[in-house]
Amino acid sequence: MNNNNIASLAREAGATPPFGSFGEGPSVGSLWECYSPLGAGVGNIIKILFNLADVLSIILPVLLSIAFMTIIERKQLAAHQRRVGPNTVG
């Protein structure tokens, strides 16, 4: 017996699924809502934190690379304009 047959038999019997619809596994949010002692709000906070971590994992490396490239560029430009001194030629 596969999962579709089991789901259709359960639907015909009038059973209600604990998470989503039949044939779907539980999602992280629904597990937090069911088993969290603090209620459903914790699941939303965790989703927000994960989204924030995703955004920061992209933005921070880009900003850091731009900062370091600026430093390298300034050092190269300064090296091109370096003056040897008044008593040496070249």
PDB file of N, CA and C in Angstrom:
ATOM      1  N   MET A   1       0.837  -1.178   0.000  1.00  0.00           N
ATOM      2  CA  MET A   1       0.000   0.000   0.000  1.00  0.00           C
ATOM      3  C   MET A   1       0.883   1.242   0.000  1.00  0.00           C
ATOM      4  N   ASN A   2       0.624   2.158  -0.911  1.00  0.00           N
ATOM      5  CA  ASN A   2       1.425   3.378  -0.933  1.00  0.00           C
ATOM      6  C   ASN A   2       0.731   4.495  -0.153  1.00  0.00           C
ATOM      7  N   ASN A   3       1.415   5.645  -0.069  1.00  0.00           N
ATOM      8  CA  ASN A   3       0.907   6.751   0.754  1.00  0.00           C
ATOM      9  C   ASN A   3      -0.377   7.348   0.203  1.00  0.00           C
ATOM     10  N   ASN A   4      -0.551   7.348  -1.127  1.00  0.00           N
ATOM     11  CA  ASN A   4      -1.774   7.925  -1.703  1.00  0.00           C
ATOM     12  C   ASN A   4      -2.995   7.106  -1.333  1.00  0.00           C
ATOM     13  N   ASN A   5      -2.856   5.775  -1.330  1.00  0.00           N
ATOM     14  CA  ASN A   5      -3.989   4.928  -0.949  1.00  0.00           C
ATOM     15  C   ASN A   5      -4.345   5.123   0.516  1.00  0.00           C
ATOM     16  N   ILE A   6      -3.339   5.246   1.362  1.00  0.00           N
ATOM     17  CA  ILE A   6      -3.590   5.449   2.786  1.00  0.00           C
ATOM     18  C   ILE A   6      -4.273   6.791   3.007  1.00  0.00           C
ATOM     19  N   ALA A   7      -3.805   7.821   2.300  1.00  0.00           N
ATOM     20  CA  ALA A   7      -4.401   9.142   2.448  1.00  0.00           C
ATOM     21  C   ALA A   7      -5.841   9.159   1.975  1.00  0.00           C
ATOM     22  N   SER A   8      -6.123   8.487   0.850  1.00  0.00           N
ATOM     23  CA  SER A   8      -7.504   8.472   0.354  1.00  0.00           C
ATOM     24  C   SER A   8      -8.414   7.684   1.294  1.00  0.00           C
ATOM     25  N   LEU A   9      -7.923   6.592   1.863  1.00  0.00           N
ATOM     26  CA  LEU A   9      -8.735   5.839   2.822  1.00  0.00           C
ATOM     27  C   LEU A   9      -9.014   6.670   4.075  1.00  0.00           C
ATOM     28  N   ALA A  10      -8.027   7.412   4.534  1.00  0.00           N
ATOM     29  CA  ALA A  10      -8.218   8.239   5.721  1.00  0.00           C
ATOM     30  C   ALA A  10      -9.202   9.371   5.438  1.00  0.00           C
ATOM     31  N   ARG A  11      -9.127   9.966   4.230  1.00  0.00           N
ATOM     32  CA  ARG A  11     -10.075  11.019   3.869  1.00  0.00           C
ATOM     33  C   ARG A  11     -11.496  10.487   3.835  1.00  0.00           C
ATOM     34  N   GLU A  12     -11.668   9.292   3.282  1.00  0.00           N
ATOM     35  CA  GLU A  12     -13.012   8.701   3.207  1.00  0.00           C
ATOM     36  C   GLU A  12     -13.551   8.391   4.590  1.00  0.00           C
ATOM     37  N   ALA A  13     -12.661   8.060   5.513  1.00  0.00           N
ATOM     38  CA  ALA A  13     -13.102   7.743   6.865  1.00  0.00           C
ATOM     39  C   ALA A  13     -13.416   9.009   7.665  1.00  0.00           C
ATOM     40  N   GLY A  14     -13.070  10.174   7.116  1.00  0.00           N
ATOM     41  CA  GLY A  14     -13.373  11.423   7.804  1.00  0.00           C
ATOM     42  C   GLY A  14     -12.287  11.864   8.758  1.00  0.00           C
ATOM     43  N   ALA A  15     -11.107  11.299   8.631  1.00  0.00           N
ATOM     44  CA  ALA A  15     -10.013  11.688   9.519  1.00  0.00           C
ATOM     45  C   ALA A  15      -9.471  13.052   9.102  1.00  0.00           C
ATOM     46  N   THR A  16      -9.013  13.814  10.078  1.00  0.00           N
ATOM     47  CA  THR A  16      -8.410  15.105   9.784  1.00  0.00           C
ATOM     48  C   THR A  16      -6.909  15.001   9.995  1.00  0.00           C
ATOM     49  N   PRO A  17      -6.132  15.531   9.086  1.00  0.00           N
ATOM     50  CA  PRO A  17      -4.681  15.431   9.210  1.00  0.00           C
ATOM     51  C   PRO A  17      -4.161  16.375  10.294  1.00  0.00           C
ATOM     52  N   PRO A  18      -3.120  15.978  11.011  1.00  0.00           N
ATOM     53  CA  PRO A  18      -2.571  16.853  12.043  1.00  0.00           C
ATOM     54  C   PRO A  18      -1.792  18.027  11.469  1.00  0.00           C
ATOM     55  N   PHE A  19      -1.193  17.870  10.287  1.00  0.00           N
ATOM     56  CA  PHE A  19      -0.387  18.931   9.676  1.00  0.00           C
ATOM     57  C   PHE A  19      -0.794  19.071   8.232  1.00  0.00           C
ATOM     58  N   GLY A  20      -1.210  20.276   7.816  1.00  0.00           N
ATOM     59  CA  GLY A  20      -1.486  20.536   6.415  1.00  0.00           C
ATOM     60  C   GLY A  20      -2.536  19.603   5.845  1.00  0.00           C
ATOM     61  N   SER A  21      -2.265  19.054   4.675  1.00  0.00           N
ATOM     62  CA  SER A  21      -3.182  18.105   4.065  1.00  0.00           C
ATOM     63  C   SER A  21      -2.526  16.734   4.030  1.00  0.00           C
ATOM     64  N   PHE A  22      -3.293  15.734   3.637  1.00  0.00           N
ATOM     65  CA  PHE A  22      -2.752  14.384   3.588  1.00  0.00           C
ATOM     66  C   PHE A  22      -1.649  14.286   2.549  1.00  0.00           C
ATOM     67  N   GLY A  23      -0.633  13.515   2.839  1.00  0.00           N
ATOM     68  CA  GLY A  23       0.453  13.316   1.914  1.00  0.00           C
ATOM     69  C   GLY A  23       1.593  14.297   2.114  1.00  0.00           C
ATOM     70  N   GLU A  24       1.401  15.288   2.979  1.00  0.00           N
ATOM     71  CA  GLU A  24       2.458  16.254   3.253  1.00  0.00           C
ATOM     72  C   GLU A  24       3.035  15.974   4.632  1.00  0.00           C
ATOM     73  N   GLY A  25       4.327  16.125   4.746  1.00  0.00           N
ATOM     74  CA  GLY A  25       4.954  15.967   6.039  1.00  0.00           C
ATOM     75  C   GLY A  25       4.804  17.235   6.854  1.00  0.00           C
ATOM     76  N   PRO A  26       5.110  17.161   8.122  1.00  0.00           N
ATOM     77  CA  PRO A  26       4.999  18.355   8.957  1.00  0.00           C
ATOM     78  C   PRO A  26       6.080  19.368   8.596  1.00  0.00           C
ATOM     79  N   SER A  27       5.728  20.636   8.644  1.00  0.00           N
ATOM     80  CA  SER A  27       6.715  21.677   8.409  1.00  0.00           C
ATOM     81  C   SER A  27       7.277  22.130   9.747  1.00  0.00           C
ATOM     82  N   VAL A  28       8.384  22.851   9.691  1.00  0.00           N
ATOM     83  CA  VAL A  28       9.017  23.312  10.928  1.00  0.00           C
ATOM     84  C   VAL A  28       8.084  24.234  11.684  1.00  0.00           C
ATOM     85  N   GLY A  29       7.407  25.130  10.973  1.00  0.00           N
ATOM     86  CA  GLY A  29       6.503  26.059  11.636  1.00  0.00           C
ATOM     87  C   GLY A  29       5.364  25.358  12.341  1.00  0.00           C
ATOM     88  N   SER A  30       4.779  24.344  11.683  1.00  0.00           N
ATOM     89  CA  SER A  30       3.654  23.659  12.315  1.00  0.00           C
ATOM     90  C   SER A  30       4.111  22.833  13.510  1.00  0.00           C
ATOM     91  N   LEU A  31       5.329  22.295  13.452  1.00  0.00           N
ATOM     92  CA  LEU A  31       5.830  21.567  14.613  1.00  0.00           C
ATOM     93  C   LEU A  31       6.021  22.500  15.794  1.00  0.00           C
ATOM     94  N   TRP A  32       6.568  23.702  15.531  1.00  0.00           N
ATOM     95  CA  TRP A  32       6.755  24.657  16.619  1.00  0.00           C
ATOM     96  C   TRP A  32       5.426  25.082  17.201  1.00  0.00           C
ATOM     97  N   GLU A  33       4.423  25.273  16.354  1.00  0.00           N
ATOM     98  CA  GLU A  33       3.121  25.696  16.852  1.00  0.00           C
ATOM     99  C   GLU A  33       2.480  24.626  17.715  1.00  0.00           C
ATOM    100  N   CYS A  34       2.692  23.372  17.372  1.00  0.00           N
ATOM    101  CA  CYS A  34       2.051  22.301  18.130  1.00  0.00           C
ATOM    102  C   CYS A  34       2.777  21.999  19.437  1.00  0.00           C
ATOM    103  N   TYR A  35       4.094  22.034  19.418  1.00  0.00           N
ATOM    104  CA  TYR A  35       4.847  21.542  20.566  1.00  0.00           C
ATOM    105  C   TYR A  35       5.506  22.634  21.395  1.00  0.00           C
ATOM    106  N   SER A  36       5.371  23.896  21.001  1.00  0.00           N
ATOM    107  CA  SER A  36       6.001  24.967  21.754  1.00  0.00           C
ATOM    108  C   SER A  36       5.171  25.321  22.979  1.00  0.00           C
ATOM    109  N   PRO A  37       5.786  25.407  24.148  1.00  0.00           N
ATOM    110  CA  PRO A  37       5.024  25.788  25.338  1.00  0.00           C
ATOM    111  C   PRO A  37       4.615  27.257  25.315  1.00  0.00           C
ATOM    112  N   LEU A  38       5.244  28.070  24.455  1.00  0.00           N
ATOM    113  CA  LEU A  38       4.943  29.495  24.415  1.00  0.00           C
ATOM    114  C   LEU A  38       3.868  29.836  23.396  1.00  0.00           C
ATOM    115  N   GLY A  39       3.436  28.897  22.598  1.00  0.00           N
ATOM    116  CA  GLY A  39       2.373  29.146  21.643  1.00  0.00           C
ATOM    117  C   GLY A  39       2.878  29.313  20.221  1.00  0.00           C
ATOM    118  N   ALA A  40       1.979  29.785  19.360  1.00  0.00           N
ATOM    119  CA  ALA A  40       2.270  29.860  17.933  1.00  0.00           C
ATOM    120  C   ALA A  40       3.191  31.021  17.582  1.00  0.00           C
ATOM    121  N   GLY A  41       3.338  32.022  18.435  1.00  0.00           N
ATOM    122  CA  GLY A  41       4.167  33.172  18.129  1.00  0.00           C
ATOM    123  C   GLY A  41       5.639  32.835  17.998  1.00  0.00           C
ATOM    124  N   VAL A  42       6.086  31.792  18.684  1.00  0.00           N
ATOM    125  CA  VAL A  42       7.497  31.408  18.630  1.00  0.00           C
ATOM    126  C   VAL A  42       7.872  30.948  17.226  1.00  0.00           C
ATOM    127  N   GLY A  43       6.989  30.272  16.558  1.00  0.00           N
ATOM    128  CA  GLY A  43       7.259  29.823  15.192  1.00  0.00           C
ATOM    129  C   GLY A  43       7.479  30.988  14.256  1.00  0.00           C
ATOM    130  N   ASN A  44       6.696  32.054  14.424  1.00  0.00           N
ATOM    131  CA  ASN A  44       6.859  33.236  13.580  1.00  0.00           C
ATOM    132  C   ASN A  44       8.173  33.926  13.868  1.00  0.00           C
ATOM    133  N   ILE A  45       8.558  34.002  15.137  1.00  0.00           N
ATOM    134  CA  ILE A  45       9.822  34.639  15.493  1.00  0.00           C
ATOM    135  C   ILE A  45      10.989  33.861  14.901  1.00  0.00           C
ATOM    136  N   ILE A  46      10.922  32.554  14.955  1.00  0.00           N
ATOM    137  CA  ILE A  46      11.998  31.722  14.405  1.00  0.00           C
ATOM    138  C   ILE A  46      12.078  31.887  12.892  1.00  0.00           C
ATOM    139  N   LYS A  47      10.934  31.973  12.223  1.00  0.00           N
ATOM    140  CA  LYS A  47      10.939  32.199  10.775  1.00  0.00           C
ATOM    141  C   LYS A  47      11.578  33.540  10.443  1.00  0.00           C
ATOM    142  N   ILE A  48      11.258  34.562  11.227  1.00  0.00           N
ATOM    143  CA  ILE A  48      11.838  35.884  10.997  1.00  0.00           C
ATOM    144  C   ILE A  48      13.344  35.839  11.205  1.00  0.00           C
ATOM    145  N   LEU A  49      13.799  35.162  12.246  1.00  0.00           N
ATOM    146  CA  LEU A  49      15.234  35.067  12.510  1.00  0.00           C
ATOM    147  C   LEU A  49      15.963  34.323  11.394  1.00  0.00           C
ATOM    148  N   PHE A  50      15.358  33.253  10.887  1.00  0.00           N
ATOM    149  CA  PHE A  50      15.979  32.529   9.778  1.00  0.00           C
ATOM    150  C   PHE A  50      16.038  33.393   8.523  1.00  0.00           C
ATOM    151  N   ASN A  51      14.979  34.159   8.248  1.00  0.00           N
ATOM    152  CA  ASN A  51      14.993  35.055   7.095  1.00  0.00           C
ATOM    153  C   ASN A  51      16.059  36.128   7.255  1.00  0.00           C
ATOM    154  N   LEU A  52      16.185  36.676   8.465  1.00  0.00           N
ATOM    155  CA  LEU A  52      17.206  37.684   8.727  1.00  0.00           C
ATOM    156  C   LEU A  52      18.605  37.100   8.539  1.00  0.00           C
ATOM    157  N   ALA A  53      18.808  35.871   9.003  1.00  0.00           N
ATOM    158  CA  ALA A  53      20.108  35.224   8.826  1.00  0.00           C
ATOM    159  C   ALA A  53      20.409  34.990   7.348  1.00  0.00           C
ATOM    160  N   ASP A  54      19.402  34.641   6.569  1.00  0.00           N
ATOM    161  CA  ASP A  54      19.607  34.452   5.126  1.00  0.00           C
ATOM    162  C   ASP A  54      20.029  35.753   4.451  1.00  0.00           C
ATOM    163  N   VAL A  55      19.353  36.827   4.800  1.00  0.00           N
ATOM    164  CA  VAL A  55      19.675  38.121   4.189  1.00  0.00           C
ATOM    165  C   VAL A  55      21.077  38.567   4.598  1.00  0.00           C
ATOM    166  N   LEU A  56      21.390  38.439   5.879  1.00  0.00           N
ATOM    167  CA  LEU A  56      22.710  38.855   6.355  1.00  0.00           C
ATOM    168  C   LEU A  56      23.829  37.994   5.782  1.00  0.00           C
ATOM    169  N   SER A  57      23.546  36.718   5.526  1.00  0.00           N
ATOM    170  CA  SER A  57      24.584  35.847   4.962  1.00  0.00           C
ATOM    171  C   SER A  57      24.936  36.235   3.533  1.00  0.00           C
ATOM    172  N   ILE A  58      24.090  37.008   2.883  1.00  0.00           N
ATOM    173  CA  ILE A  58      24.387  37.491   1.539  1.00  0.00           C
ATOM    174  C   ILE A  58      24.967  38.907   1.587  1.00  0.00           C
ATOM    175  N   ILE A  59      24.383  39.776   2.405  1.00  0.00           N
ATOM    176  CA  ILE A  59      24.782  41.185   2.413  1.00  0.00           C
ATOM    177  C   ILE A  59      26.148  41.395   3.058  1.00  0.00           C
ATOM    178  N   LEU A  60      26.421  40.749   4.185  1.00  0.00           N
ATOM    179  CA  LEU A  60      27.677  40.984   4.895  1.00  0.00           C
ATOM    180  C   LEU A  60      28.920  40.643   4.067  1.00  0.00           C
ATOM    181  N   PRO A  61      29.005  39.493   3.408  1.00  0.00           N
ATOM    182  CA  PRO A  61      30.194  39.231   2.583  1.00  0.00           C
ATOM    183  C   PRO A  61      30.369  40.241   1.444  1.00  0.00           C
ATOM    184  N   VAL A  62      29.270  40.692   0.861  1.00  0.00           N
ATOM    185  CA  VAL A  62      29.366  41.681  -0.217  1.00  0.00           C
ATOM    186  C   VAL A  62      29.918  42.995   0.326  1.00  0.00           C
ATOM    187  N   LEU A  63      29.391  43.457   1.462  1.00  0.00           N
ATOM    188  CA  LEU A  63      29.869  44.707   2.035  1.00  0.00           C
ATOM    189  C   LEU A  63      31.333  44.606   2.466  1.00  0.00           C
ATOM    190  N   LEU A  64      31.712  43.487   3.055  1.00  0.00           N
ATOM    191  CA  LEU A  64      33.107  43.310   3.463  1.00  0.00           C
ATOM    192  C   LEU A  64      34.045  43.274   2.262  1.00  0.00           C
ATOM    193  N   SER A  65      33.639  42.608   1.194  1.00  0.00           N
ATOM    194  CA  SER A  65      34.503  42.555   0.012  1.00  0.00           C
ATOM    195  C   SER A  65      34.653  43.936  -0.617  1.00  0.00           C
ATOM    196  N   ILE A  66      33.585  44.731  -0.633  1.00  0.00           N
ATOM    197  CA  ILE A  66      33.685  46.093  -1.166  1.00  0.00           C
ATOM    198  C   ILE A  66      34.630  46.922  -0.304  1.00  0.00           C
ATOM    199  N   ALA A  67      34.546  46.779   1.017  1.00  0.00           N
ATOM    200  CA  ALA A  67      35.419  47.543   1.907  1.00  0.00           C
ATOM    201  C   ALA A  67      36.888  47.179   1.683  1.00  0.00           C
ATOM    202  N   PHE A  68      37.190  45.900   1.594  1.00  0.00           N
ATOM    203  CA  PHE A  68      38.579  45.486   1.393  1.00  0.00           C
ATOM    204  C   PHE A  68      39.094  45.856   0.011  1.00  0.00           C
ATOM    205  N   MET A  69      38.249  45.793  -1.000  1.00  0.00           N
ATOM    206  CA  MET A  69      38.674  46.212  -2.333  1.00  0.00           C
ATOM    207  C   MET A  69      38.976  47.711  -2.369  1.00  0.00           C
ATOM    208  N   THR A  70      38.223  48.506  -1.601  1.00  0.00           N
ATOM    209  CA  THR A  70      38.495  49.940  -1.518  1.00  0.00           C
ATOM    210  C   THR A  70      39.842  50.201  -0.864  1.00  0.00           C
ATOM    211  N   ILE A  71      40.140  49.469   0.203  1.00  0.00           N
ATOM    212  CA  ILE A  71      41.431  49.620   0.873  1.00  0.00           C
ATOM    213  C   ILE A  71      42.573  49.246  -0.066  1.00  0.00           C
ATOM    214  N   ILE A  72      42.436  48.150  -0.783  1.00  0.00           N
ATOM    215  CA  ILE A  72      43.483  47.706  -1.716  1.00  0.00           C
ATOM    216  C   ILE A  72      43.678  48.740  -2.830  1.00  0.00           C
ATOM    217  N   GLU A  73      42.579  49.277  -3.348  1.00  0.00           N
ATOM    218  CA  GLU A  73      42.671  50.269  -4.416  1.00  0.00           C
ATOM    219  C   GLU A  73      43.401  51.528  -3.932  1.00  0.00           C
ATOM    220  N   ARG A  74      43.077  51.976  -2.726  1.00  0.00           N
ATOM    221  CA  ARG A  74      43.733  53.178  -2.185  1.00  0.00           C
ATOM    222  C   ARG A  74      45.227  52.942  -1.977  1.00  0.00           C
ATOM    223  N   LYS A  75      45.592  51.754  -1.525  1.00  0.00           N
ATOM    224  CA  LYS A  75      47.014  51.450  -1.321  1.00  0.00           C
ATOM    225  C   LYS A  75      47.761  51.408  -2.654  1.00  0.00           C
ATOM    226  N   GLN A  76      47.127  50.866  -3.690  1.00  0.00           N
ATOM    227  CA  GLN A  76      47.769  50.838  -5.002  1.00  0.00           C
ATOM    228  C   GLN A  76      47.937  52.243  -5.575  1.00  0.00           C
ATOM    229  N   LEU A  77      46.915  53.071  -5.439  1.00  0.00           N
ATOM    230  CA  LEU A  77      47.024  54.438  -5.937  1.00  0.00           C
ATOM    231  C   LEU A  77      48.102  55.215  -5.182  1.00  0.00           C
ATOM    232  N   ALA A  78      48.214  54.989  -3.887  1.00  0.00           N
ATOM    233  CA  ALA A  78      49.249  55.660  -3.100  1.00  0.00           C
ATOM    234  C   ALA A  78      50.636  55.173  -3.503  1.00  0.00           C
ATOM    235  N   ALA A  79      50.781  53.889  -3.823  1.00  0.00           N
ATOM    236  CA  ALA A  79      52.082  53.357  -4.234  1.00  0.00           C
ATOM    237  C   ALA A  79      52.528  53.961  -5.564  1.00  0.00           C
ATOM    238  N   HIS A  80      51.596  54.239  -6.460  1.00  0.00           N
ATOM    239  CA  HIS A  80      51.943  54.855  -7.745  1.00  0.00           C
ATOM    240  C   HIS A  80      52.422  56.290  -7.568  1.00  0.00           C
ATOM    241  N   GLN A  81      51.966  56.971  -6.549  1.00  0.00           N
ATOM    242  CA  GLN A  81      52.306  58.376  -6.352  1.00  0.00           C
ATOM    243  C   GLN A  81      53.419  58.570  -5.320  1.00  0.00           C
ATOM    244  N   ARG A  82      54.010  57.478  -4.869  1.00  0.00           N
ATOM    245  CA  ARG A  82      55.031  57.593  -3.821  1.00  0.00           C
ATOM    246  C   ARG A  82      56.259  58.347  -4.345  1.00  0.00           C
ATOM    247  N   ARG A  83      56.710  59.287  -3.567  1.00  0.00           N
ATOM    248  CA  ARG A  83      57.878  60.104  -3.932  1.00  0.00           C
ATOM    249  C   ARG A  83      59.106  59.477  -3.279  1.00  0.00           C
ATOM    250  N   VAL A  84      60.172  59.344  -4.059  1.00  0.00           N
ATOM    251  CA  VAL A  84      61.386  58.683  -3.556  1.00  0.00           C
ATOM    252  C   VAL A  84      62.090  59.561  -2.539  1.00  0.00           C
ATOM    253  N   GLY A  85      62.306  60.807  -2.831  1.00  0.00           N
ATOM    254  CA  GLY A  85      62.968  61.691  -1.893  1.00  0.00           C
ATOM    255  C   GLY A  85      63.717  62.799  -2.603  1.00  0.00           C
ATOM    256  N   PRO A  86      64.181  63.800  -1.851  1.00  0.00           N
ATOM    257  CA  PRO A  86      64.832  64.940  -2.489  1.00  0.00           C
ATOM    258  C   PRO A  86      66.269  64.676  -2.908  1.00  0.00           C
ATOM    259  N   ASN A  87      66.953  63.717  -2.292  1.00  0.00           N
ATOM    260  CA  ASN A  87      68.372  63.542  -2.611  1.00  0.00           C
ATOM    261  C   ASN A  87      68.639  62.292  -3.447  1.00  0.00           C
ATOM    262  N   THR A  88      67.603  61.606  -3.951  1.00  0.00           N
ATOM    263  CA  THR A  88      67.791  60.450  -4.843  1.00  0.00           C
ATOM    264  C   THR A  88      66.987  60.659  -6.110  1.00  0.00           C
ATOM    265  N   VAL A  89      67.465  60.066  -7.183  1.00  0.00           N
ATOM    266  CA  VAL A  89      66.775  60.216  -8.465  1.00  0.00           C
ATOM    267  C   VAL A  89      66.121  58.890  -8.824  1.00  0.00           C
ATOM    268  N   GLY A  90      64.960  58.942  -9.373  1.00  0.00           N
ATOM    269  CA  GLY A  90      64.317  57.735  -9.864  1.00  0.00           C
ATOM    270  C   GLY A  90      63.193  57.381  -9.027  1.00  0.00           C
TER     271      GLY A  90
END
